[in-house]
Amino acid sequence: MKKRCLILLIVGLLILCGCTQGSTEAPAGSSSLPVDDVMIISHYGYYISGSFPGDYVKIFGEVENIGQYNLKSIKITADFYNGAGEIIRTDWTYVYADILLPGEKAPFTFIEYASADRDYQTYEVVVTSCRETTEEPYRDFEFLNISTYTDDDGDYHVAGELKNTGSQDIDSVKVRATFYDEMGKVVAVSSDDYLGRTEGLAVGESEPFDIMTLEEEASQKITSYSLHTRVD
C-alpha cells in the first residue's frame, strides 16, 4: 500500500486575466494582435507529505478559450506564498493544448517540490501570455470502449482505446484526462504519454490507454472526467 498524502488547506485566488502579447515577432500563420480571451475556470492545490522523493505541492487547473480565435502557447504563472504573505517561489507552465479552439478547455499542472525551509501556504495562478493563430490542430480521433475503475491502492483509472479516424498517420499522440468533483471543479490531471510510441498511430488504427490518478484523496472526490488529445 502506498503512503498517502496529507492535505493542507491552500486557497488559490481565481483570476480572470487577459493574455498579453510579448514583444517578439509572431510566427508565420499567427497574428500579432493581443487577446483577452483566456479564462482560468477552475483550479485545486494541495500539499503532499511523505511521498518519494519528498514533500511537494501540486496544482491542477483548467482554462477556457472564451474568444473567437484559435490560441496557442497559453502560459500560466503561479506565485507561491508563505504564511507571512511573501512570495517564496514563482513558476510557469503551458496548458495541455497545442492549439485551443474557441469554446474549448484544456488543463494545466504545477508540481513544486517543497523544502523544509519554505512554508507553502497559498498560491495564485494567472494567465500571462498566449498567441492568436490561424493553425488548426489535428483532432480526428475517437475514444472507444471507455471504462473507469479504482485499483487496490485507491487510485482512480479511466481506460479505453484511441482510434485515428482522420486522413494522416500520426507519429506521436498523447492522451490526458481532467478529473472533476461533484461541483465540476478540477481535482486531478493525469496522462498517458506513450500512445504510438513504437510505430505511431496510422489512419484507422487504435491503441489502448490507461490513465490513473496518483493520490487517493483526489480519487475519492472524482465524479466525472474529460479526455484530451495532443499531437506532438
Protein backbone atom coordinates (compact mmCIF):
# COMPACT_ATOMS: atom_id res chain seq x y z
CA MET A 1 0.00 0.00 0.00
CA LYS A 2 1.39 3.38 -0.96
CA LYS A 3 1.87 6.07 1.66
CA ARG A 4 -0.91 8.58 1.23
CA CYS A 5 -1.00 12.33 1.27
CA LEU A 6 -1.97 14.82 3.94
CA ILE A 7 -3.98 17.74 2.64
CA LEU A 8 -3.01 21.27 3.67
CA LEU A 9 -5.60 23.96 3.05
CA ILE A 10 -4.27 26.02 0.16
CA VAL A 11 -6.54 28.78 -1.03
CA GLY A 12 -5.96 29.65 -4.69
CA LEU A 13 -7.06 33.02 -5.99
CA LEU A 14 -9.18 32.51 -9.10
CA ILE A 15 -8.20 35.23 -11.54
CA LEU A 16 -9.60 36.11 -14.94
CA CYS A 17 -6.61 37.55 -16.74
CA GLY A 18 -6.20 38.62 -20.33
CA CYS A 19 -3.43 37.17 -22.41
CA THR A 20 -0.68 39.62 -23.21
CA GLN A 21 1.35 39.55 -26.38
CA GLY A 22 5.12 39.68 -25.98
CA SER A 23 7.39 41.97 -27.98
CA THR A 24 8.79 39.17 -30.13
CA GLU A 25 7.57 38.79 -33.69
CA ALA A 26 4.66 36.40 -34.17
CA PRO A 27 5.41 33.19 -36.11
CA ALA A 28 4.15 32.63 -39.64
CA GLY A 29 0.43 31.94 -39.73
CA SER A 30 -0.16 33.75 -36.45
CA SER A 31 -1.45 37.25 -35.79
CA SER A 32 0.38 39.78 -33.64
CA LEU A 33 -2.77 41.18 -32.02
CA PRO A 34 -3.11 40.99 -28.23
CA VAL A 35 -6.02 38.94 -26.91
CA ASP A 36 -8.07 38.91 -23.76
CA ASP A 37 -9.78 35.60 -24.22
CA VAL A 38 -8.39 33.03 -21.78
CA MET A 39 -10.17 32.36 -18.51
CA ILE A 40 -9.00 30.16 -15.64
CA ILE A 41 -12.26 28.43 -14.78
CA SER A 42 -11.15 26.04 -12.04
CA HIS A 43 -8.08 25.03 -10.04
CA TYR A 44 -7.18 22.95 -7.00
CA GLY A 45 -3.94 22.95 -4.99
CA TYR A 46 -2.75 20.76 -2.14
CA TYR A 47 0.32 19.67 -0.21
CA ILE A 48 1.61 16.10 -0.39
CA SER A 49 3.58 14.83 2.60
CA GLY A 50 5.69 11.70 2.96
CA SER A 51 5.95 10.83 -0.74
CA PHE A 52 9.07 9.84 -2.65
CA PRO A 53 11.36 11.70 -3.18
CA GLY A 54 9.96 14.27 -0.72
CA ASP A 55 7.14 16.67 0.06
CA TYR A 56 5.65 18.70 -2.75
CA VAL A 57 2.78 20.96 -3.76
CA LYS A 58 0.50 20.16 -6.69
CA ILE A 59 -1.85 22.49 -8.53
CA PHE A 60 -4.34 21.25 -11.10
CA GLY A 61 -6.39 23.68 -13.17
CA GLU A 62 -8.31 24.28 -16.35
CA VAL A 63 -8.64 27.19 -18.79
CA GLU A 64 -11.19 28.01 -21.47
CA ASN A 65 -10.82 29.93 -24.71
CA ILE A 66 -13.74 32.36 -24.43
CA GLY A 67 -12.79 34.33 -27.53
CA GLN A 68 -13.30 34.00 -31.28
CA TYR A 69 -9.81 32.98 -32.40
CA ASN A 70 -7.61 29.91 -32.12
CA LEU A 71 -4.97 30.30 -29.40
CA LYS A 72 -1.58 28.69 -28.86
CA SER A 73 1.28 28.84 -26.34
CA ILE A 74 -1.05 29.66 -23.43
CA LYS A 75 1.24 30.28 -20.46
CA ILE A 76 0.17 30.08 -16.81
CA THR A 77 2.28 31.55 -13.98
CA ALA A 78 1.97 30.53 -10.33
CA ASP A 79 3.20 32.54 -7.33
CA PHE A 80 3.61 30.59 -4.08
CA TYR A 81 3.33 32.43 -0.74
CA ASN A 82 4.35 31.67 2.84
CA GLY A 83 2.30 32.42 5.94
CA ALA A 84 3.59 36.00 6.01
CA GLY A 85 2.25 36.64 2.52
CA GLU A 86 5.72 36.70 0.94
CA ILE A 87 6.40 35.13 -2.45
CA ILE A 88 8.75 32.19 -1.96
CA ARG A 89 8.60 30.73 -5.43
CA THR A 90 7.38 31.62 -8.92
CA ASP A 91 6.94 29.03 -11.64
CA TRP A 92 5.23 28.77 -15.03
CA THR A 93 3.83 26.16 -17.38
CA TYR A 94 1.88 25.88 -20.63
CA VAL A 95 -1.63 24.46 -20.78
CA TYR A 96 -2.06 20.99 -22.20
CA ALA A 97 -3.10 22.03 -25.72
CA ASP A 98 -1.01 22.73 -28.79
CA ILE A 99 -3.88 24.88 -30.08
CA LEU A 100 -7.08 25.76 -28.22
CA LEU A 101 -10.13 26.45 -30.36
CA PRO A 102 -12.89 28.90 -29.31
CA GLY A 103 -15.02 27.32 -26.59
CA GLU A 104 -12.51 24.56 -25.85
CA LYS A 105 -10.98 23.84 -22.45
CA ALA A 106 -7.56 22.47 -21.52
CA PRO A 107 -5.88 21.55 -18.22
CA PHE A 108 -2.61 22.66 -16.65
CA THR A 109 -0.46 21.24 -13.85
CA PHE A 110 2.19 22.52 -11.44
CA ILE A 111 4.34 20.19 -9.34
CA GLU A 112 6.52 22.06 -6.86
CA TYR A 113 8.91 20.24 -4.53
CA ALA A 114 8.68 21.72 -1.04
CA SER A 115 11.84 22.03 1.06
CA ALA A 116 11.77 22.15 4.85
CA ASP A 117 12.80 25.83 4.97
CA ARG A 118 9.86 27.00 2.86
CA ASP A 119 6.40 27.47 4.33
CA TYR A 120 3.99 26.95 1.44
CA GLN A 121 0.59 28.30 2.47
CA THR A 122 -1.22 29.86 -0.50
CA TYR A 123 -0.79 30.32 -4.22
CA GLU A 124 -2.04 32.50 -7.06
CA VAL A 125 -2.36 31.45 -10.70
CA VAL A 126 -2.71 33.82 -13.67
CA VAL A 127 -2.61 33.65 -17.46
CA THR A 128 0.48 35.60 -18.50
CA SER A 129 0.73 35.16 -22.27
CA CYS A 130 -0.73 33.49 -25.33
CA ARG A 131 -0.88 33.94 -29.09
CA GLU A 132 -3.57 34.00 -31.74
CA THR A 133 -3.07 31.61 -34.65
CA THR A 134 -4.76 30.51 -37.85
CA GLU A 135 -3.34 26.99 -37.45
CA GLU A 136 -5.78 24.12 -36.93
CA PRO A 137 -4.97 21.18 -34.62
CA TYR A 138 -5.32 17.56 -35.74
CA ARG A 139 -8.28 16.25 -33.75
CA ASP A 140 -9.50 13.33 -35.88
CA PHE A 141 -9.58 10.79 -33.08
CA GLU A 142 -12.30 8.70 -31.49
CA PHE A 143 -12.33 7.30 -27.95
CA LEU A 144 -13.58 3.71 -27.80
CA ASN A 145 -14.55 1.24 -25.05
CA ILE A 146 -14.10 3.73 -22.21
CA SER A 147 -14.34 2.36 -18.67
CA THR A 148 -13.40 3.55 -15.17
CA TYR A 149 -12.28 1.68 -12.08
CA THR A 150 -10.47 2.12 -8.77
CA ASP A 151 -7.49 -0.14 -8.13
CA ASP A 152 -6.41 -1.80 -4.87
CA ASP A 153 -4.32 1.24 -3.92
CA GLY A 154 -7.34 3.54 -4.22
CA ASP A 155 -6.24 5.18 -7.48
CA TYR A 156 -8.94 6.10 -10.00
CA HIS A 157 -8.42 4.96 -13.60
CA VAL A 158 -10.01 5.78 -16.94
CA ALA A 159 -9.10 3.30 -19.66
CA GLY A 160 -10.02 2.70 -23.29
CA GLU A 161 -8.73 2.95 -26.83
CA LEU A 162 -7.85 5.88 -29.07
CA LYS A 163 -8.56 5.48 -32.80
CA ASN A 164 -7.12 7.64 -35.56
CA THR A 165 -10.19 8.41 -37.70
CA GLY A 166 -8.53 11.07 -39.86
CA SER A 167 -6.55 11.14 -43.06
CA GLN A 168 -2.95 11.28 -41.84
CA ASP A 169 -0.68 8.95 -39.93
CA ILE A 170 0.45 10.29 -36.56
CA ASP A 171 3.95 9.77 -35.19
CA SER A 172 3.05 10.52 -31.57
CA VAL A 173 -0.14 11.40 -29.71
CA LYS A 174 -0.76 11.89 -26.00
CA VAL A 175 -4.00 11.48 -24.07
CA ARG A 176 -4.68 13.45 -20.90
CA ALA A 177 -7.62 13.24 -18.51
CA THR A 178 -9.01 16.07 -16.42
CA PHE A 179 -10.90 14.81 -13.35
CA TYR A 180 -13.68 16.76 -11.61
CA ASP A 181 -15.56 16.60 -8.32
CA GLU A 182 -19.35 16.80 -7.97
CA MET A 183 -19.20 20.61 -8.26
CA GLY A 184 -17.32 20.44 -11.56
CA LYS A 185 -14.05 21.60 -10.01
CA VAL A 186 -10.75 20.13 -11.22
CA VAL A 187 -9.22 17.81 -8.62
CA ALA A 188 -6.62 15.93 -10.70
CA VAL A 189 -4.96 15.82 -14.11
CA SER A 190 -3.05 12.84 -15.45
CA SER A 191 -1.96 11.41 -18.80
CA ASP A 192 -0.76 8.51 -20.91
CA ASP A 193 2.11 9.92 -22.96
CA TYR A 194 3.14 6.76 -24.78
CA LEU A 195 0.48 6.04 -27.39
CA GLY A 196 2.02 5.15 -30.73
CA ARG A 197 5.44 5.20 -29.14
CA THR A 198 6.82 2.41 -31.34
CA GLU A 199 5.28 2.81 -34.79
CA GLY A 200 2.96 5.80 -34.37
CA LEU A 201 -0.78 5.69 -34.91
CA ALA A 202 -1.69 5.14 -38.56
CA VAL A 203 -5.02 6.05 -40.14
CA GLY A 204 -7.69 3.60 -38.98
CA GLU A 205 -5.56 2.15 -36.19
CA SER A 206 -6.37 2.22 -32.49
CA GLU A 207 -4.26 1.80 -29.38
CA PRO A 208 -5.18 1.25 -25.72
CA PHE A 209 -4.53 3.70 -22.88
CA ASP A 210 -4.95 3.60 -19.12
CA ILE A 211 -4.76 6.88 -17.19
CA MET A 212 -4.63 6.90 -13.41
CA THR A 213 -4.56 9.44 -10.62
CA LEU A 214 -1.74 9.17 -8.08
CA GLU A 215 -3.40 10.40 -4.88
CA GLU A 216 -6.15 8.56 -3.04
CA GLU A 217 -7.55 11.82 -1.65
CA ALA A 218 -8.19 13.14 -5.16
CA SER A 219 -9.52 9.78 -6.36
CA GLN A 220 -12.21 9.83 -3.70
CA LYS A 221 -13.53 13.16 -4.98
CA ILE A 222 -13.84 12.23 -8.67
CA THR A 223 -17.33 12.09 -10.16
CA SER A 224 -16.58 12.90 -13.84
CA TYR A 225 -13.75 13.42 -16.30
CA SER A 226 -12.89 14.75 -19.76
CA LEU A 227 -10.31 13.42 -22.23
CA HIS A 228 -7.96 15.45 -24.45
CA THR A 229 -5.51 14.56 -27.23
CA ARG A 230 -2.33 16.30 -28.24
CA VAL A 231 -0.27 15.51 -31.31
CA ASP A 232 3.47 16.14 -30.96
